[in-house]
Each structure stands twice: as structure tokens, then as C-alpha cells.
C-alpha atoms as a PDB file:
ATOM      1  CA  MET A   1      26.671  -2.071  13.263  1.00  0.00           C
ATOM      2  CA  THR A   2      24.193  -0.641  10.774  1.00  0.00           C
ATOM      3  CA  GLN A   3      20.697  -2.052  11.096  1.00  0.00           C
ATOM      4  CA  PRO A   4      19.611  -3.800   7.868  1.00  0.00           C
ATOM      5  CA  PRO A   5      16.479  -2.420   6.202  1.00  0.00           C
ATOM      6  CA  PRO A   6      13.195  -4.012   7.277  1.00  0.00           C
ATOM      7  CA  ALA A   7      11.844  -6.912   5.229  1.00  0.00           C
ATOM      8  CA  ALA A   8       8.760  -5.770   3.344  1.00  0.00           C
ATOM      9  CA  ILE A   9       5.894  -7.037   1.229  1.00  0.00           C
ATOM     10  CA  LEU A  10       4.459  -4.526  -1.216  1.00  0.00           C
ATOM     11  CA  LEU A  11       0.666  -4.623  -1.539  1.00  0.00           C
ATOM     12  CA  PHE A  12       0.076  -3.143  -4.960  1.00  0.00           C
ATOM     13  CA  GLY A  13      -2.911  -2.640  -7.219  1.00  0.00           C
ATOM     14  CA  ALA A  14      -5.394  -0.266  -8.759  1.00  0.00           C
ATOM     15  CA  PRO A  15      -7.726   1.848  -6.606  1.00  0.00           C
ATOM     16  CA  GLY A  16     -10.362  -0.339  -4.963  1.00  0.00           C
ATOM     17  CA  SER A  17      -8.389  -3.561  -5.457  1.00  0.00           C
ATOM     18  CA  GLY A  18      -8.425  -4.275  -1.733  1.00  0.00           C
ATOM     19  CA  LYS A  19      -4.893  -3.322  -0.680  1.00  0.00           C
ATOM     20  CA  GLY A  20      -6.149  -1.743   2.528  1.00  0.00           C
ATOM     21  CA  THR A  21      -8.472  -4.641   3.344  1.00  0.00           C
ATOM     22  CA  GLN A  22      -5.775  -7.264   2.813  1.00  0.00           C
ATOM     23  CA  GLY A  23      -3.197  -5.177   4.667  1.00  0.00           C
ATOM     24  CA  SER A  24      -5.541  -4.730   7.603  1.00  0.00           C
ATOM     25  CA  VAL A  25      -6.293  -8.464   7.778  1.00  0.00           C
ATOM     26  CA  LEU A  26      -2.638  -9.494   7.486  1.00  0.00           C
ATOM     27  CA  GLY A  27      -1.592  -6.778   9.926  1.00  0.00           C
ATOM     28  CA  ARG A  28      -3.630  -8.481  12.655  1.00  0.00           C
ATOM     29  CA  LEU A  29      -1.563 -11.648  12.300  1.00  0.00           C
ATOM     30  CA  PRO A  30       1.567 -12.090  14.427  1.00  0.00           C
ATOM     31  CA  GLY A  31       4.690 -11.248  12.485  1.00  0.00           C
ATOM     32  CA  PHE A  32       3.214  -8.596  10.196  1.00  0.00           C
ATOM     33  CA  PHE A  33       2.901  -4.805  10.469  1.00  0.00           C
ATOM     34  CA  HIS A  34       0.585  -2.893   8.116  1.00  0.00           C
ATOM     35  CA  LEU A  35       1.778   0.557   7.032  1.00  0.00           C
ATOM     36  CA  SER A  36      -0.782   2.433   4.941  1.00  0.00           C
ATOM     37  CA  SER A  37       0.256   5.749   3.405  1.00  0.00           C
ATOM     38  CA  GLY A  38      -3.441   6.552   2.979  1.00  0.00           C
ATOM     39  CA  GLU A  39      -4.019   6.160   6.701  1.00  0.00           C
ATOM     40  CA  ILE A  40      -0.998   8.367   7.391  1.00  0.00           C
ATOM     41  CA  PHE A  41      -2.436  11.051   5.115  1.00  0.00           C
ATOM     42  CA  ARG A  42      -5.884  10.779   6.707  1.00  0.00           C
ATOM     43  CA  SER A  43      -4.362  11.094  10.198  1.00  0.00           C
ATOM     44  CA  LEU A  44      -3.081  14.583   9.398  1.00  0.00           C
ATOM     45  CA  GLU A  45      -4.956  17.424  11.042  1.00  0.00           C
ATOM     46  CA  PRO A  46      -7.382  18.560   8.288  1.00  0.00           C
ATOM     47  CA  ASN A  47      -6.791  22.256   8.962  1.00  0.00           C
ATOM     48  CA  SER A  48      -2.992  21.987   9.113  1.00  0.00           C
ATOM     49  CA  PRO A  49      -0.918  23.049   6.081  1.00  0.00           C
ATOM     50  CA  ASP A  50       0.060  19.418   5.445  1.00  0.00           C
ATOM     51  CA  GLY A  51      -3.522  18.200   5.798  1.00  0.00           C
ATOM     52  CA  GLN A  52      -4.835  20.868   3.442  1.00  0.00           C
ATOM     53  CA  PHE A  53      -2.086  20.129   0.917  1.00  0.00           C
ATOM     54  CA  VAL A  54      -2.900  16.394   0.847  1.00  0.00           C
ATOM     55  CA  ALA A  55      -6.639  17.089   0.570  1.00  0.00           C
ATOM     56  CA  GLU A  56      -6.020  19.425  -2.371  1.00  0.00           C
ATOM     57  CA  CYS A  57      -4.101  16.672  -4.199  1.00  0.00           C
ATOM     58  CA  THR A  58      -6.404  13.748  -3.460  1.00  0.00           C
ATOM     59  CA  SER A  59      -9.691  15.570  -3.979  1.00  0.00           C
ATOM     60  CA  GLY A  60      -8.906  15.729  -7.694  1.00  0.00           C
ATOM     61  CA  GLY A  61      -7.793  12.108  -7.876  1.00  0.00           C
ATOM     62  CA  ASN A  62      -4.090  12.964  -8.187  1.00  0.00           C
ATOM     63  CA  LEU A  63      -1.067  11.561  -6.361  1.00  0.00           C
ATOM     64  CA  VAL A  64       0.590  13.458  -3.523  1.00  0.00           C
ATOM     65  CA  PRO A  65       4.063  14.648  -4.663  1.00  0.00           C
ATOM     66  CA  ASP A  66       6.896  12.159  -4.187  1.00  0.00           C
ATOM     67  CA  ASP A  67       9.176  14.149  -1.859  1.00  0.00           C
ATOM     68  CA  PHE A  68       6.323  14.972   0.512  1.00  0.00           C
ATOM     69  CA  THR A  69       5.009  11.384   0.511  1.00  0.00           C
ATOM     70  CA  VAL A  70       8.354   9.707   1.150  1.00  0.00           C
ATOM     71  CA  SER A  71       9.407  12.238   3.801  1.00  0.00           C
ATOM     72  CA  LEU A  72       6.155  11.755   5.731  1.00  0.00           C
ATOM     73  CA  TRP A  73       6.397   7.967   5.336  1.00  0.00           C
ATOM     74  CA  ARG A  74       9.984   7.852   6.631  1.00  0.00           C
ATOM     75  CA  LYS A  75       9.089   9.999   9.621  1.00  0.00           C
ATOM     76  CA  GLN A  76       6.144   7.790  10.573  1.00  0.00           C
ATOM     77  CA  LEU A  77       8.107   4.565  10.080  1.00  0.00           C
ATOM     78  CA  ALA A  78      10.934   5.861  12.295  1.00  0.00           C
ATOM     79  CA  GLU A  79       8.440   6.828  15.010  1.00  0.00           C
ATOM     80  CA  TRP A  80       6.874   3.359  14.995  1.00  0.00           C
ATOM     81  CA  ILE A  81      10.303   1.701  15.214  1.00  0.00           C
ATOM     82  CA  ASN A  82      11.428   4.005  18.019  1.00  0.00           C
ATOM     83  CA  ASP A  83       8.298   3.533  20.132  1.00  0.00           C
ATOM     84  CA  GLY A  84       8.276  -0.240  19.597  1.00  0.00           C
ATOM     85  CA  SER A  85       5.063  -0.404  17.579  1.00  0.00           C
ATOM     86  CA  PHE A  86       6.989  -2.026  14.725  1.00  0.00           C
ATOM     87  CA  ASP A  87       9.873  -4.419  15.386  1.00  0.00           C
ATOM     88  CA  PRO A  88      11.795  -5.072  12.154  1.00  0.00           C
ATOM     89  CA  ASP A  89      13.602  -8.006  13.778  1.00  0.00           C
ATOM     90  CA  CYS A  90      10.440 -10.092  14.058  1.00  0.00           C
ATOM     91  CA  GLN A  91       7.833  -8.398  11.836  1.00  0.00           C
ATOM     92  CA  ILE A  92       7.458  -8.043   8.076  1.00  0.00           C
ATOM     93  CA  LEU A  93       6.396  -4.600   6.905  1.00  0.00           C
ATOM     94  CA  LEU A  94       3.278  -4.554   4.715  1.00  0.00           C
ATOM     95  CA  LEU A  95       3.556  -1.531   2.428  1.00  0.00           C
ATOM     96  CA  ASP A  96       0.170  -0.232   1.276  1.00  0.00           C
ATOM     97  CA  GLY A  97       0.019   2.863  -0.926  1.00  0.00           C
ATOM     98  CA  ILE A  98       3.755   3.380  -1.280  1.00  0.00           C
ATOM     99  CA  PRO A  99       5.561   3.283  -3.653  1.00  0.00           C
ATOM    100  CA  ARG A 100       2.988   4.763  -6.022  1.00  0.00           C
ATOM    101  CA  ASN A 101       5.330   5.286  -8.984  1.00  0.00           C
ATOM    102  CA  SER A 102       8.774   4.304 -10.226  1.00  0.00           C
ATOM    103  CA  ALA A 103      10.407   7.386  -8.730  1.00  0.00           C
ATOM    104  CA  GLN A 104       9.177   6.429  -5.267  1.00  0.00           C
ATOM    105  CA  CYS A 105      10.474   2.887  -5.827  1.00  0.00           C
ATOM    106  CA  GLY A 106      13.948   4.301  -6.231  1.00  0.00           C
ATOM    107  CA  MET A 107      13.568   6.705  -3.323  1.00  0.00           C
ATOM    108  CA  ILE A 108      12.678   4.002  -0.776  1.00  0.00           C
ATOM    109  CA  ASP A 109      14.899   1.274  -2.255  1.00  0.00           C
ATOM    110  CA  GLY A 110      17.437   1.619   0.559  1.00  0.00           C
ATOM    111  CA  ASP A 111      14.779   1.933   3.288  1.00  0.00           C
ATOM    112  CA  VAL A 112      13.218  -1.514   2.867  1.00  0.00           C
ATOM    113  CA  ASP A 113      14.144  -4.981   1.608  1.00  0.00           C
ATOM    114  CA  VAL A 114      11.228  -5.960  -0.644  1.00  0.00           C
ATOM    115  CA  GLN A 115      10.594  -9.708  -0.444  1.00  0.00           C
ATOM    116  CA  LEU A 116       7.388  -9.856  -2.494  1.00  0.00           C
ATOM    117  CA  VAL A 117       5.310  -7.575  -4.706  1.00  0.00           C
ATOM    118  CA  LEU A 118       1.719  -8.759  -4.330  1.00  0.00           C
ATOM    119  CA  HIS A 119      -0.248  -7.399  -7.268  1.00  0.00           C
ATOM    120  CA  LEU A 120      -3.996  -7.329  -6.660  1.00  0.00           C
ATOM    121  CA  GLY A 121      -5.347  -6.718 -10.115  1.00  0.00           C
ATOM    122  CA  GLY A 122      -6.697  -7.654 -13.497  1.00  0.00           C
ATOM    123  CA  ASP A 123      -7.597  -6.057 -16.796  1.00  0.00           C
ATOM    124  CA  ASP A 124     -11.200  -5.078 -15.985  1.00  0.00           C
ATOM    125  CA  TYR A 125     -11.430  -1.980 -13.774  1.00  0.00           C
ATOM    126  CA  GLU A 126     -15.222  -1.596 -13.856  1.00  0.00           C
ATOM    127  CA  PRO A 127     -15.883  -3.819 -10.802  1.00  0.00           C
ATOM    128  CA  LEU A 128     -13.294  -1.769  -8.902  1.00  0.00           C
ATOM    129  CA  VAL A 129     -14.941   1.523  -9.914  1.00  0.00           C
ATOM    130  CA  GLU A 130     -18.261   0.246  -8.573  1.00  0.00           C
ATOM    131  CA  ARG A 131     -16.563  -1.006  -5.403  1.00  0.00           C
ATOM    132  CA  ILE A 132     -15.097   2.447  -4.716  1.00  0.00           C
ATOM    133  CA  LEU A 133     -18.371   4.280  -5.370  1.00  0.00           C
ATOM    134  CA  GLU A 134     -20.187   1.878  -3.045  1.00  0.00           C
ATOM    135  CA  ARG A 135     -17.499   2.392  -0.392  1.00  0.00           C
ATOM    136  CA  GLY A 136     -17.934   6.147  -0.742  1.00  0.00           C
ATOM    137  CA  ARG A 137     -21.677   5.880  -0.214  1.00  0.00           C
ATOM    138  CA  LYS A 138     -21.282   3.683   2.857  1.00  0.00           C
ATOM    139  CA  GLN A 139     -18.341   5.439   4.512  1.00  0.00           C
ATOM    140  CA  GLY A 140     -19.078   9.012   3.480  1.00  0.00           C
ATOM    141  CA  ARG A 141     -15.635   9.517   1.932  1.00  0.00           C
ATOM    142  CA  SER A 142     -16.088  12.450  -0.434  1.00  0.00           C
ATOM    143  CA  ASP A 143     -13.119  11.446  -2.615  1.00  0.00           C
ATOM    144  CA  ASP A 144     -14.913   8.147  -3.359  1.00  0.00           C
ATOM    145  CA  THR A 145     -18.340   9.469  -4.334  1.00  0.00           C
ATOM    146  CA  ASP A 146     -17.542  11.537  -7.445  1.00  0.00           C
ATOM    147  CA  GLU A 147     -17.429   9.101 -10.380  1.00  0.00           C
ATOM    148  CA  ALA A 148     -15.426  11.486 -12.572  1.00  0.00           C
ATOM    149  CA  VAL A 149     -12.751  11.800  -9.862  1.00  0.00           C
ATOM    150  CA  VAL A 150     -12.732   8.035  -9.300  1.00  0.00           C
ATOM    151  CA  ARG A 151     -12.257   7.315 -12.995  1.00  0.00           C
ATOM    152  CA  HIS A 152      -9.463   9.902 -13.142  1.00  0.00           C
ATOM    153  CA  ARG A 153      -7.711   7.987 -10.360  1.00  0.00           C
ATOM    154  CA  PHE A 154      -7.655   4.931 -12.612  1.00  0.00           C
ATOM    155  CA  GLU A 155      -6.161   6.990 -15.429  1.00  0.00           C
ATOM    156  CA  VAL A 156      -3.459   8.214 -13.026  1.00  0.00           C
ATOM    157  CA  TYR A 157      -2.877   4.650 -11.841  1.00  0.00           C
ATOM    158  CA  GLN A 158      -2.441   3.375 -15.384  1.00  0.00           C
ATOM    159  CA  SER A 159      -0.034   6.127 -16.420  1.00  0.00           C
ATOM    160  CA  GLU A 160       1.940   6.670 -13.200  1.00  0.00           C
ATOM    161  CA  SER A 161       1.538   3.687 -10.863  1.00  0.00           C
ATOM    162  CA  ALA A 162       1.348   0.604 -13.099  1.00  0.00           C
ATOM    163  CA  PRO A 163       5.030   0.994 -14.175  1.00  0.00           C
ATOM    164  CA  VAL A 164       5.975   0.116 -10.563  1.00  0.00           C
ATOM    165  CA  LEU A 165       5.559  -3.530 -11.607  1.00  0.00           C
ATOM    166  CA  GLU A 166       8.410  -3.059 -14.077  1.00  0.00           C
ATOM    167  CA  PHE A 167      10.786  -1.740 -11.396  1.00  0.00           C
ATOM    168  CA  TYR A 168      11.000  -5.015  -9.485  1.00  0.00           C
ATOM    169  CA  PRO A 169      12.408  -8.302 -10.872  1.00  0.00           C
ATOM    170  CA  ASN A 170       9.861 -10.836 -12.117  1.00  0.00           C
ATOM    171  CA  GLU A 171      10.776 -13.343  -9.414  1.00  0.00           C
ATOM    172  CA  LEU A 172       9.384 -10.967  -6.777  1.00  0.00           C
ATOM    173  CA  LEU A 173       6.026 -10.467  -8.549  1.00  0.00           C
ATOM    174  CA  ALA A 174       2.892 -12.425  -7.671  1.00  0.00           C
ATOM    175  CA  HIS A 175      -0.550 -11.714  -9.122  1.00  0.00           C
ATOM    176  CA  VAL A 176      -3.819 -12.194  -7.226  1.00  0.00           C
ATOM    177  CA  ASP A 177      -7.392 -11.878  -8.477  1.00  0.00           C
ATOM    178  CA  PRO A 178      -8.952  -9.223  -6.183  1.00  0.00           C
ATOM    179  CA  ILE A 179     -12.555 -10.037  -7.095  1.00  0.00           C
ATOM    180  CA  GLY A 180     -14.578 -12.290  -4.791  1.00  0.00           C
ATOM    181  CA  LEU A 181     -15.553 -12.607  -1.160  1.00  0.00           C
ATOM    182  CA  PRO A 182     -12.987 -10.990   1.167  1.00  0.00           C
ATOM    183  CA  GLY A 183     -12.227 -14.399   2.689  1.00  0.00           C
ATOM    184  CA  GLU A 184     -11.588 -15.882  -0.751  1.00  0.00           C
ATOM    185  CA  VAL A 185      -9.109 -13.132  -1.583  1.00  0.00           C
ATOM    186  CA  VAL A 186      -7.447 -13.502   1.834  1.00  0.00           C
ATOM    187  CA  ASP A 187      -6.961 -17.209   1.126  1.00  0.00           C
ATOM    188  CA  ARG A 188      -5.277 -16.440  -2.212  1.00  0.00           C
ATOM    189  CA  VAL A 189      -3.057 -13.851  -0.563  1.00  0.00           C
ATOM    190  CA  LEU A 190      -2.021 -16.118   2.321  1.00  0.00           C
ATOM    191  CA  GLN A 191      -0.858 -18.832  -0.072  1.00  0.00           C
ATOM    192  CA  LEU A 192       1.703 -16.346  -1.392  1.00  0.00           C
ATOM    193  CA  VAL A 193       2.570 -14.473   1.792  1.00  0.00           C
ATOM    194  CA  LEU A 194       3.113 -17.337   4.240  1.00  0.00           C
ATOM    195  CA  PRO A 195       6.141 -18.797   2.390  1.00  0.00           C
ATOM    196  CA  VAL A 196       7.755 -15.352   2.617  1.00  0.00           C
ATOM    197  CA  GLN A 197       7.111 -15.285   6.356  1.00  0.00           C
ATOM    198  CA  ARG A 198       8.612 -18.765   6.764  1.00  0.00           C
ATOM    199  CA  ARG A 199      11.804 -17.688   4.991  1.00  0.00           C
ATOM    200  CA  PHE A 200      11.954 -14.527   7.081  1.00  0.00           C
ATOM    201  CA  LEU A 201      11.589 -16.454  10.343  1.00  0.00           C
ATOM    202  CA  ASP A 202      14.192 -19.012   9.270  1.00  0.00           C
ATOM    203  CA  ARG A 203      16.589 -16.188   8.468  1.00  0.00           C
ATOM    204  CA  SER A 204      15.864 -14.461  11.783  1.00  0.00           C
ATOM    205  CA  ASN A 205      16.537 -17.638  13.730  1.00  0.00           C
END
């Protein structure tokens, strides 16, 4: 019998909205598994052809091409299922950084069963720009320290990524204010995520 696609929650938002932070926090809770495409990209050997290709794309604030992104994502997901790191029968997949545009939505539509699209965002990007620049200074991430590159990432997000919200039906969308103390944002997120987990567990049982 064909295995059904894993249940998934999409963590979506502009750069610096806290997708990685929320995914990391939720991923530590039983029943969730955090899959970050950014972490997959950063795990590539920097001097390998793939690592150099990703660095060339991201250093200018642009998205990594769809075919490459989805192929790498599928390979990593399959590895984690095969080695037991991720168990789709009892864990919900937290997607962070994929899909990044409508084309990717269609490409992974048969790979996952999206239960919720959690949109971390608002209309004012300036606090997020400052958050990224501060992160770059603290963590030494070169792609986060050039303000021109950071602002270009927001332009790319607005033109290429924001339409992702139009791909999914309105009943799957939930909006969360990403500004505030991390614990405050976690509380807002949990109020939306826990009902999804309850339904998933009821279905599994």
C-alpha cells in the first residue's frame, strides 16, 4: 500500500520574520520535526559544486532555482525518513524555507499534506530588516550584513514568495504577528499549531 504523504505545517513569512526560530522551538516538542531548507543549504560543503552554486545565488539575495531546491529537499527528506530521524506516522513536518514560490508549491504538492500555512508577517518590513542586520552582526553571516542585499531579499520576497499565500485555500491560512519577545510569538504560534496536532493525533489513533 502506498504511504500517504506526511502531514505538514508551512512556516511562511518574509526574511527575518522568525520562521527558523519558531521552527526550531516547535521542532523540540514531541510530535514535530523541523525541516529547514536554509539549514540544508548551509550543510553543503562550501567548496563543492552544489555549495558554491547555492552561495552564488544567496550572496546576491536571490532564490536558489526551483528544480535544484526541490531535488535537494526531497533527497534530504527521504534520508531522514529512511534512517528514522523523521517518522511521518507520529510527527508533523514543519516546513521552513520551502516552498518559496508558487512553482515550488505545485512541485511539492504531492510530497506533503499541508494542514496549516502559518504566516509570520505584517505590512511593515523595517523591523525585520533591522532584525536581520543585527543577526548578521552577531552571528557573522555575511549574507545578513549587507543592507543592500538584505533589502533586495525583501523585494524578491514580495515579487516571488508572497504569492505562495494565494496558492493555498483561505481555510488553511493563519496570520501571526512576528514582532515581540520570542516567547510571546511562540505563544501565538502554539495557539494555532496545537489544534492541528490534536487532529493529527486523533487521525493517527
